[in-house]
Protein backbone atom coordinates (compact mmCIF):
# COMPACT_ATOMS: atom_id res chain seq x y z
CA MET A 1 50.53 -26.28 -46.20
CA ALA A 2 51.76 -29.65 -44.86
CA LYS A 3 49.29 -32.48 -45.00
CA MET A 4 47.65 -33.31 -41.68
CA LYS A 5 48.92 -36.50 -40.01
CA LEU A 6 46.10 -39.06 -40.07
CA LYS A 7 45.56 -42.51 -38.62
CA TYR A 8 43.40 -43.50 -41.58
CA ASN A 9 43.60 -41.68 -44.91
CA LEU A 10 40.78 -41.00 -47.35
CA ASN A 11 40.63 -44.41 -49.05
CA ASP A 12 41.74 -46.55 -46.09
CA THR A 13 39.30 -49.07 -44.64
CA PRO A 14 39.61 -49.53 -40.86
CA PRO A 15 39.14 -53.00 -39.31
CA PHE A 16 35.50 -54.08 -39.24
CA LEU A 17 34.79 -53.45 -35.54
CA GLU A 18 36.54 -50.09 -35.62
CA LEU A 19 34.68 -49.24 -38.83
CA LEU A 20 31.35 -49.87 -37.10
CA LEU A 21 32.29 -47.81 -34.06
CA LEU A 22 33.54 -44.92 -36.19
CA GLY A 23 30.36 -45.10 -38.25
CA LEU A 24 28.39 -45.01 -35.01
CA GLN A 25 30.30 -41.88 -34.03
CA TRP A 26 29.36 -40.13 -37.31
CA LEU A 27 25.79 -41.33 -36.72
CA ALA A 28 25.81 -39.72 -33.28
CA ILE A 29 26.95 -36.47 -34.88
CA ALA A 30 24.38 -36.58 -37.69
CA ILE A 31 21.35 -37.44 -35.57
CA PRO A 32 21.21 -34.32 -33.35
CA THR A 33 21.30 -31.95 -36.35
CA ILE A 34 18.54 -33.86 -38.13
CA ILE A 35 16.44 -33.99 -34.97
CA ILE A 36 16.99 -30.35 -34.01
CA LEU A 37 16.32 -28.72 -37.40
CA GLY A 38 13.74 -31.34 -38.31
CA LYS A 39 11.68 -30.71 -35.17
CA VAL A 40 11.77 -26.96 -35.85
CA VAL A 41 10.50 -27.28 -39.44
CA ALA A 42 8.02 -30.04 -38.62
CA GLY A 43 6.62 -27.83 -35.86
CA LEU A 44 6.04 -25.07 -38.41
CA HIS A 45 4.06 -27.40 -40.69
CA PHE A 46 2.25 -29.78 -38.32
CA ASP A 47 0.59 -29.76 -34.91
CA ASN A 48 0.12 -33.52 -34.82
CA PRO A 49 3.15 -35.34 -33.26
CA ILE A 50 2.59 -38.30 -35.60
CA ASP A 51 3.01 -36.03 -38.64
CA GLN A 52 6.09 -34.45 -37.08
CA ILE A 53 7.73 -37.84 -36.57
CA ASN A 54 6.88 -38.86 -40.14
CA TYR A 55 8.57 -35.66 -41.32
CA LEU A 56 11.67 -36.66 -39.34
CA GLN A 57 11.53 -40.15 -40.86
CA LYS A 58 11.79 -38.68 -44.34
CA LEU A 59 14.66 -36.42 -43.23
CA PHE A 60 16.60 -39.45 -42.00
CA PHE A 61 15.92 -41.23 -45.30
CA VAL A 62 17.17 -38.26 -47.36
CA ALA A 63 20.29 -37.93 -45.20
CA ALA A 64 21.10 -41.64 -45.63
CA ILE A 65 20.73 -41.57 -49.41
CA SER A 66 22.55 -38.22 -49.78
CA ILE A 67 25.60 -39.22 -47.73
CA PHE A 68 25.89 -42.57 -49.50
CA ILE A 69 25.87 -41.16 -53.03
CA GLN A 70 28.32 -38.41 -52.02
CA VAL A 71 30.80 -40.82 -50.43
CA ILE A 72 30.63 -43.34 -53.31
CA TRP A 73 30.06 -41.18 -56.41
CA GLY A 74 30.01 -37.51 -55.37
CA HIS A 75 32.85 -35.60 -53.74
CA GLN A 76 34.08 -38.88 -52.14
CA LEU A 77 35.15 -37.09 -48.96
CA PRO A 78 34.38 -37.76 -45.27
CA LEU A 79 31.67 -35.10 -45.11
CA ILE A 80 28.48 -35.49 -43.11
CA MET A 81 25.26 -34.08 -44.58
CA GLY A 82 22.11 -32.84 -42.95
CA PRO A 83 19.29 -30.29 -43.21
CA ALA A 84 20.46 -26.91 -44.52
CA ALA A 85 19.87 -24.19 -41.94
CA VAL A 86 19.87 -21.56 -44.69
CA LEU A 87 16.79 -23.19 -46.25
CA LEU A 88 15.10 -22.90 -42.86
CA VAL A 89 15.26 -19.12 -43.34
CA GLY A 90 13.36 -19.50 -46.62
CA ILE A 91 10.76 -21.78 -45.04
CA VAL A 92 10.18 -19.41 -42.12
CA SER A 93 9.82 -16.41 -44.45
CA SER A 94 7.30 -18.34 -46.59
CA GLN A 95 4.96 -19.53 -43.84
CA SER A 96 2.07 -17.52 -45.26
CA SER A 97 2.42 -19.31 -48.61
CA ASN A 98 1.25 -22.72 -49.74
CA VAL A 99 3.48 -25.49 -48.35
CA ASN A 100 3.66 -27.12 -51.79
CA SER A 101 5.07 -23.89 -53.25
CA VAL A 102 7.90 -24.07 -50.69
CA TYR A 103 8.94 -27.58 -51.66
CA SER A 104 8.34 -26.92 -55.35
CA SER A 105 10.85 -24.10 -55.03
CA ILE A 106 13.32 -26.46 -53.35
CA ILE A 107 12.95 -28.85 -56.30
CA ILE A 108 13.60 -26.05 -58.80
CA GLY A 109 16.53 -24.76 -56.76
CA GLY A 110 18.03 -28.25 -56.65
CA ILE A 111 17.68 -28.65 -60.43
CA ILE A 112 19.33 -25.28 -61.09
CA LEU A 113 22.17 -26.10 -58.67
CA THR A 114 22.78 -29.43 -60.42
CA VAL A 115 22.82 -27.90 -63.90
CA LEU A 116 25.18 -25.09 -62.88
CA SER A 117 27.54 -27.59 -61.29
CA ILE A 118 27.57 -29.93 -64.29
CA THR A 119 28.48 -27.00 -66.51
CA GLY A 120 31.63 -26.55 -64.39
CA LEU A 121 30.80 -23.09 -63.04
CA PHE A 122 31.49 -24.00 -59.41
CA GLY A 123 34.79 -25.57 -60.31
CA TYR A 124 36.01 -22.14 -61.45
CA LEU A 125 35.05 -20.66 -58.09
CA LYS A 126 37.80 -22.71 -56.43
CA ARG A 127 40.35 -19.94 -57.00
CA LEU A 128 38.34 -17.67 -54.69
CA PHE A 129 38.91 -20.03 -51.76
CA THR A 130 42.47 -19.25 -50.78
CA PRO A 131 43.92 -20.68 -47.52
CA ARG A 132 42.91 -17.50 -45.64
CA VAL A 133 39.34 -17.77 -46.91
CA VAL A 134 39.20 -21.47 -46.02
CA ALA A 135 40.64 -20.76 -42.56
CA THR A 136 38.04 -18.06 -41.96
CA ILE A 137 35.23 -20.40 -43.02
CA LEU A 138 36.44 -23.11 -40.64
CA ILE A 139 36.60 -20.71 -37.69
CA MET A 140 33.39 -18.91 -38.68
CA ILE A 141 31.34 -22.12 -38.53
CA ALA A 142 32.03 -22.28 -34.80
CA PHE A 143 31.24 -18.58 -34.26
CA THR A 144 27.94 -18.63 -36.19
CA LEU A 145 26.73 -21.76 -34.37
CA THR A 146 27.34 -20.15 -30.97
CA PRO A 147 23.74 -18.86 -30.52
CA MET A 148 22.33 -22.33 -31.23
CA ILE A 149 24.81 -23.93 -28.83
CA MET A 150 23.94 -21.37 -26.16
CA ASN A 151 20.24 -22.14 -26.54
CA LEU A 152 20.88 -25.88 -26.39
CA ILE A 153 22.75 -25.50 -23.10
CA ILE A 154 20.76 -22.77 -21.36
CA ASN A 155 17.20 -23.27 -22.58
CA SER A 156 16.18 -26.56 -21.00
CA ALA A 157 12.83 -28.31 -20.92
CA VAL A 158 13.22 -28.30 -17.13
CA GLN A 159 12.62 -24.90 -15.54
CA GLY A 160 15.29 -23.39 -13.34
CA THR A 161 18.19 -25.56 -14.48
CA SER A 162 20.15 -23.01 -16.52
CA PHE A 163 22.94 -22.72 -13.92
CA ILE A 164 23.11 -26.51 -13.50
CA ASN A 165 23.22 -26.92 -17.27
CA LEU A 166 26.07 -24.43 -17.68
CA CYS A 167 28.13 -26.08 -14.93
CA PHE A 168 27.37 -29.52 -16.37
CA ALA A 169 28.48 -28.39 -19.86
CA LEU A 170 31.75 -26.92 -18.55
CA ILE A 171 32.60 -30.07 -16.59
CA LEU A 172 31.65 -32.39 -19.46
CA VAL A 173 33.62 -30.54 -22.13
CA ILE A 174 36.73 -30.27 -19.92
CA GLY A 175 36.37 -33.96 -19.13
CA MET A 176 36.26 -34.72 -22.85
CA PHE A 177 39.52 -32.85 -23.46
CA VAL A 178 41.18 -34.65 -20.54
CA ALA A 179 39.98 -37.98 -21.96
CA ASN A 180 41.21 -36.97 -25.41
CA LYS A 181 44.70 -36.44 -23.97
CA PHE A 182 44.98 -39.78 -22.16
CA LEU A 183 42.90 -42.19 -24.24
CA ILE A 184 44.48 -44.09 -27.12
CA GLY A 185 43.36 -46.19 -30.07
CA ILE A 186 39.71 -46.96 -30.67
CA TRP A 187 38.67 -45.37 -27.36
CA LYS A 188 40.06 -42.02 -28.41
CA SER A 189 38.63 -42.31 -31.92
CA THR A 190 35.12 -42.97 -30.60
CA LEU A 191 35.25 -40.50 -27.69
CA ILE A 192 32.26 -38.53 -29.00
CA ILE A 193 29.82 -41.44 -28.94
CA TRP A 194 30.88 -42.47 -25.41
CA SER A 195 30.56 -38.87 -24.25
CA ILE A 196 26.99 -38.72 -25.55
CA ILE A 197 26.05 -41.95 -23.75
CA VAL A 198 27.80 -41.15 -20.46
CA GLY A 199 26.76 -37.48 -20.56
CA SER A 200 23.08 -38.35 -21.12
CA LEU A 201 23.05 -40.85 -18.24
CA LEU A 202 24.80 -38.42 -15.89
CA TYR A 203 22.41 -35.59 -16.77
CA VAL A 204 19.34 -37.74 -16.12
CA PHE A 205 20.88 -38.72 -12.76
CA ILE A 206 21.67 -35.09 -11.83
CA VAL A 207 18.35 -33.71 -13.11
CA PRO A 208 15.87 -36.56 -12.44
CA GLN A 209 12.92 -34.37 -13.38
CA TYR A 210 14.14 -34.38 -17.01
CA GLN A 211 11.51 -36.18 -19.06
CA LEU A 212 13.20 -38.91 -21.13
CA LEU A 213 10.08 -39.31 -23.24
CA GLU A 214 9.35 -35.63 -23.77
CA PHE A 215 8.59 -36.27 -27.46
CA ASN A 216 6.09 -38.93 -26.37
CA THR A 217 3.40 -40.10 -28.73
CA ASN A 218 1.61 -43.30 -29.64
CA VAL A 219 3.78 -44.39 -32.54
CA GLY A 220 4.32 -47.87 -33.83
CA ILE A 221 7.61 -49.72 -33.81
CA ILE A 222 7.73 -49.73 -37.62
CA SER A 223 5.67 -47.63 -40.03
CA PRO A 224 5.61 -47.03 -43.79
CA LEU A 225 8.00 -44.21 -44.60
CA PHE A 226 6.22 -42.74 -47.60
CA GLU A 227 2.60 -43.01 -46.47
CA SER A 228 2.15 -39.23 -46.19
CA ILE A 229 3.55 -38.20 -49.59
CA ASN A 230 0.96 -36.07 -51.36
CA PHE A 231 3.17 -33.67 -53.29
CA ASP A 232 1.43 -31.24 -55.64
CA PHE A 233 3.60 -28.91 -57.73
CA ASN A 234 2.76 -25.28 -56.97
CA PHE A 235 4.61 -22.31 -58.46
CA GLU A 236 4.75 -18.96 -56.65
CA PRO A 237 7.31 -16.50 -58.13
CA GLY A 238 7.91 -14.65 -54.86
CA VAL A 239 8.61 -17.85 -52.94
CA LEU A 240 10.84 -19.15 -55.74
CA ILE A 241 12.95 -15.95 -55.80
CA SER A 242 13.37 -16.15 -52.03
CA PHE A 243 14.57 -19.76 -52.26
CA LEU A 244 16.90 -19.06 -55.17
CA VAL A 245 18.67 -16.59 -52.88
CA CYS A 246 18.76 -19.32 -50.22
CA PHE A 247 20.29 -21.73 -52.73
CA LEU A 248 22.99 -19.20 -53.54
CA ALA A 249 23.92 -19.29 -49.87
CA LEU A 250 23.61 -23.09 -49.83
CA ALA A 251 25.96 -23.37 -52.82
CA ILE A 252 28.54 -21.16 -51.09
CA ASN A 253 28.18 -23.28 -47.95
CA ASP A 254 28.55 -26.53 -49.90
CA LEU A 255 31.55 -25.25 -51.85
CA GLY A 256 33.21 -24.01 -48.67
CA SER A 257 32.62 -27.35 -46.92
CA ILE A 258 34.17 -29.41 -49.71
CA GLN A 259 37.06 -26.98 -50.09
CA SER A 260 37.67 -26.91 -46.32
CA VAL A 261 37.98 -30.68 -46.01
CA GLY A 262 40.06 -30.73 -49.18
CA GLU A 263 42.45 -28.18 -47.72
CA LEU A 264 42.72 -30.21 -44.52
CA ILE A 265 43.45 -33.69 -45.94
CA LYS A 266 44.78 -32.82 -49.44
CA PRO A 267 42.95 -35.56 -51.42
CA GLY A 268 43.69 -34.14 -54.89
CA SER A 269 41.28 -33.50 -57.82
CA ILE A 270 39.41 -30.85 -55.82
CA PRO A 271 37.77 -29.20 -58.91
CA LYS A 272 36.21 -32.52 -59.93
CA ARG A 273 35.15 -33.25 -56.37
CA ILE A 274 33.51 -29.82 -56.16
CA THR A 275 31.63 -30.37 -59.43
CA ARG A 276 30.37 -33.83 -58.46
CA GLY A 277 29.68 -32.88 -54.86
CA ILE A 278 27.55 -29.83 -55.61
CA ALA A 279 25.75 -31.67 -58.42
CA PHE A 280 24.70 -34.45 -56.04
CA THR A 281 23.74 -31.89 -53.40
CA GLY A 282 21.40 -30.40 -56.00
CA LEU A 283 19.90 -33.82 -56.77
CA SER A 284 19.48 -34.51 -53.04
CA ASN A 285 17.49 -31.29 -52.75
CA VAL A 286 15.30 -32.39 -55.65
CA LEU A 287 14.57 -35.61 -53.73
CA SER A 288 13.90 -33.61 -50.56
CA GLY A 289 11.47 -31.31 -52.32
CA PHE A 290 9.54 -34.26 -53.74
CA LEU A 291 9.31 -35.86 -50.29
CA GLY A 292 8.26 -32.51 -48.78
CA VAL A 293 11.21 -31.98 -46.42
CA ILE A 294 13.99 -29.42 -46.04
CA GLY A 295 16.97 -30.06 -48.34
CA PRO A 296 20.47 -31.15 -47.22
CA VAL A 297 23.92 -29.57 -47.43
CA ASN A 298 27.46 -30.74 -46.67
CA PHE A 299 28.51 -29.71 -43.15
CA SER A 300 31.86 -28.00 -42.61
CA LEU A 301 31.89 -29.23 -39.00
CA SER A 302 33.13 -32.53 -40.47
CA THR A 303 36.60 -30.96 -40.47
CA GLY A 304 36.39 -30.65 -36.69
CA VAL A 305 35.65 -34.36 -36.38
CA ILE A 306 38.57 -35.25 -38.68
CA ALA A 307 40.92 -32.93 -36.79
CA SER A 308 39.89 -34.29 -33.38
CA THR A 309 40.01 -38.00 -34.32
CA GLY A 310 42.78 -38.07 -36.95
CA ILE A 311 40.57 -40.27 -39.15
CA ALA A 312 39.68 -39.20 -42.70
CA SER A 313 38.46 -42.50 -44.16
CA ARG A 314 35.34 -41.89 -46.21
CA PHE A 315 34.25 -45.49 -45.70
CA THR A 316 33.53 -44.83 -42.02
CA LEU A 317 30.39 -43.05 -43.25
CA ILE A 318 28.96 -46.18 -44.91
CA PRO A 319 27.74 -47.72 -41.62
CA THR A 320 26.34 -44.28 -40.83
CA CYS A 321 24.22 -44.38 -43.98
CA PHE A 322 22.79 -47.78 -43.11
CA GLY A 323 22.10 -46.62 -39.57
CA LEU A 324 20.21 -43.54 -40.80
CA LEU A 325 18.28 -45.67 -43.29
CA ILE A 326 17.21 -48.17 -40.63
CA ILE A 327 16.19 -45.39 -38.23
CA SER A 328 14.06 -43.79 -40.97
CA PHE A 329 11.71 -46.79 -40.77
CA LEU A 330 11.56 -46.78 -36.95
CA PRO A 331 9.38 -43.88 -35.71
CA GLY A 332 9.52 -45.13 -32.15
CA VAL A 333 13.31 -44.93 -32.21
CA ILE A 334 13.14 -41.40 -33.63
CA ALA A 335 10.79 -40.37 -30.83
CA LEU A 336 13.24 -41.77 -28.28
CA ILE A 337 16.39 -40.32 -29.90
CA GLY A 338 14.75 -36.92 -29.89
CA ASN A 339 15.13 -36.91 -26.13
CA ILE A 340 18.94 -36.78 -25.87
CA PRO A 341 19.38 -33.88 -23.40
CA SER A 342 20.00 -30.69 -25.35
CA VAL A 343 22.79 -29.68 -22.96
CA VAL A 344 24.71 -32.84 -23.97
CA VAL A 345 24.22 -32.04 -27.67
CA GLY A 346 25.46 -28.48 -27.13
CA THR A 347 28.50 -29.64 -25.18
CA ILE A 348 29.48 -32.16 -27.88
CA LEU A 349 29.24 -29.36 -30.44
CA ILE A 350 31.60 -27.21 -28.34
CA TYR A 351 34.16 -30.02 -28.34
CA ILE A 352 33.90 -30.58 -32.10
CA LEU A 353 33.98 -26.90 -32.99
CA CYS A 354 37.02 -26.22 -30.80
CA SER A 355 38.87 -28.77 -32.92
CA GLN A 356 37.53 -27.02 -35.99
CA ILE A 357 38.87 -23.65 -34.83
CA SER A 358 42.24 -25.31 -34.28
CA ALA A 359 42.11 -26.74 -37.80
CA GLY A 360 41.26 -23.28 -39.18
CA LEU A 361 44.24 -21.71 -37.41
CA LEU A 362 46.43 -24.51 -38.73
CA VAL A 363 45.32 -23.74 -42.29
CA ALA A 364 45.89 -19.99 -41.78
CA PHE A 365 49.38 -20.16 -40.31
CA ASN A 366 50.80 -23.11 -42.27
CA SER A 367 49.94 -21.54 -45.63
CA ILE A 368 52.18 -18.47 -45.21
CA ASN A 369 55.77 -17.62 -44.32
CA LYS A 370 54.89 -14.52 -42.33
CA PHE A 371 51.61 -13.38 -40.79
CA TYR A 372 50.88 -9.74 -41.66
CA PHE A 373 48.52 -7.38 -39.84
CA GLU A 374 46.28 -7.25 -42.94
CA TYR A 375 45.78 -11.02 -42.78
CA GLY A 376 44.33 -10.60 -39.31
CA LEU A 377 41.90 -8.02 -40.68
CA ILE A 378 40.90 -10.36 -43.52
CA ILE A 379 40.00 -13.02 -40.97
CA GLY A 380 38.82 -10.74 -38.16
CA LEU A 381 36.12 -8.64 -39.86
CA PRO A 382 34.16 -11.63 -41.24
CA LEU A 383 34.26 -13.28 -37.82
CA MET A 384 32.96 -10.11 -36.13
CA LEU A 385 30.16 -9.52 -38.66
CA SER A 386 29.08 -13.16 -38.79
CA THR A 387 28.88 -13.31 -34.99
CA ILE A 388 26.88 -10.07 -34.75
CA ILE A 389 24.41 -11.22 -37.42
CA SER A 390 24.07 -14.63 -35.78
CA PHE A 391 23.01 -13.03 -32.49
CA LEU A 392 20.42 -10.69 -34.02
CA PRO A 393 17.00 -11.13 -32.34
CA VAL A 394 14.26 -12.80 -34.34
CA GLU A 395 12.20 -9.60 -34.04
CA THR A 396 14.96 -7.72 -35.86
CA LEU A 397 15.28 -10.33 -38.61
CA THR A 398 11.56 -10.20 -39.34
CA THR A 399 11.92 -6.51 -40.25
CA PHE A 400 14.35 -7.34 -43.08
CA PRO A 401 12.92 -7.51 -46.63
CA PRO A 402 12.08 -11.19 -47.39
CA LEU A 403 14.23 -11.28 -50.53
CA VAL A 404 17.44 -10.25 -48.74
CA ARG A 405 16.73 -11.93 -45.41
CA PRO A 406 18.38 -15.26 -46.41
CA ILE A 407 21.64 -13.37 -47.08
CA ILE A 408 21.72 -10.37 -44.70
CA GLY A 409 20.08 -12.37 -41.92
CA ASN A 410 22.48 -15.31 -42.18
CA GLY A 411 25.75 -14.76 -40.31
CA PHE A 412 27.55 -17.51 -42.20
CA VAL A 413 26.69 -16.06 -45.60
CA VAL A 414 27.55 -12.50 -44.54
CA GLY A 415 30.88 -13.77 -43.23
CA ILE A 416 31.73 -15.63 -46.44
CA LEU A 417 30.86 -12.65 -48.65
CA THR A 418 32.90 -10.36 -46.38
CA VAL A 419 36.01 -12.53 -46.40
CA LEU A 420 35.85 -12.80 -50.20
CA ILE A 421 35.65 -8.99 -50.49
CA MET A 422 38.48 -8.49 -48.01
CA GLU A 423 40.70 -11.14 -49.62
CA HIS A 424 40.12 -10.45 -53.31
CA ILE A 425 39.22 -6.74 -53.46
CA ILE A 426 40.26 -4.61 -50.49
CA PHE A 427 43.63 -6.24 -49.73
CA LYS A 428 44.37 -7.81 -53.10
CA GLU A 429 47.20 -5.40 -54.07
CA LYS A 430 48.90 -5.61 -50.67
CA LYS A 431 48.94 -9.37 -50.70
CA ALA A 432 50.42 -9.44 -54.18
CA ASN A 433 53.25 -7.14 -53.12
CA GLN A 434 54.04 -9.32 -50.13
CA ASN A 435 54.18 -12.52 -52.18
CA SER A 436 52.21 -14.51 -49.64
């Protein structure tokens, strides 16, 4: 596959002002995921808004530290990190257990993940991730996030605005693609951050009843970040087994994310990047468990950002790290940021993930001389299954056995396992005969 044409390559450093703006764009992408998943988990643990905001503070702190060590010492790729949705499945299934047993299990899972990575095991898994598998993963990210995007757009805090929200999302996303075509330079590179600002202001103007301070609470401007740490190690075998299954899915996700970006920008030394990247992801989960928050994972949606901006410089994430770190000590800012209209967040995700689908198709078609019918099946079945699983009602998921729920109930994991079976078992002989 030909290397993607980029404005800034992996180790390039953009001019200072552009560096800050690009870092602000990554920050705008990281914040919604932290806020969305963080508010869900914090709501499961705490009723008090102050405790919920403190939980989000610690999530921002973990994200800042995790991204920094990955960019400087880990995989050294332009990959954003945030709370792992697959660990949310484990937390939800363990609500009847002691909270400390949940985060003790995350610590143990992180340690095991680090040890396995250092031994080189995940480096050997690279051969499983052929261009077709990588392409499927890139496209599948968009498909499996569709239910969340739909909820962000349709389910509004303001009653009776679903139709307005849908129309607003369609107009905003089309406007973003029009702007992407005509804008140049720094304006095009930072289109996402401007879209968030303009989109939020327009939505508040169109829907004036939207409460800007919905997550309102009497919080200070600055508060100690670690004042609520009272971790107590608690071991429950059932909870640990459930989370070990979750970490298997997390490892597959992390490996796929690193491999996907590697396939897109061709940085070289992918086995070493995989080993270091997954090892530091494990250590980041150890830190998360100790702080009592959900652990992080590398996000494959980073490829969509790279594809849409043409910028792969890892150093653009350094300002992002400092921004996340500063925000982690500002609970009032977190309370305010939590009020970006969900319809704007969902629309931005549509824009990013469309670019990611395009990148996935680019990987699929540029890696072969001829596209066979079987290749379509290899990509098609995982996409179908992952989408079906992702749209399963919560009531259905709760009927699954707890030990298999993190795998069978996760569309992304089901899709990855399916594409590996299709690629390496069912159609292995046919592909060999066709010399793809």
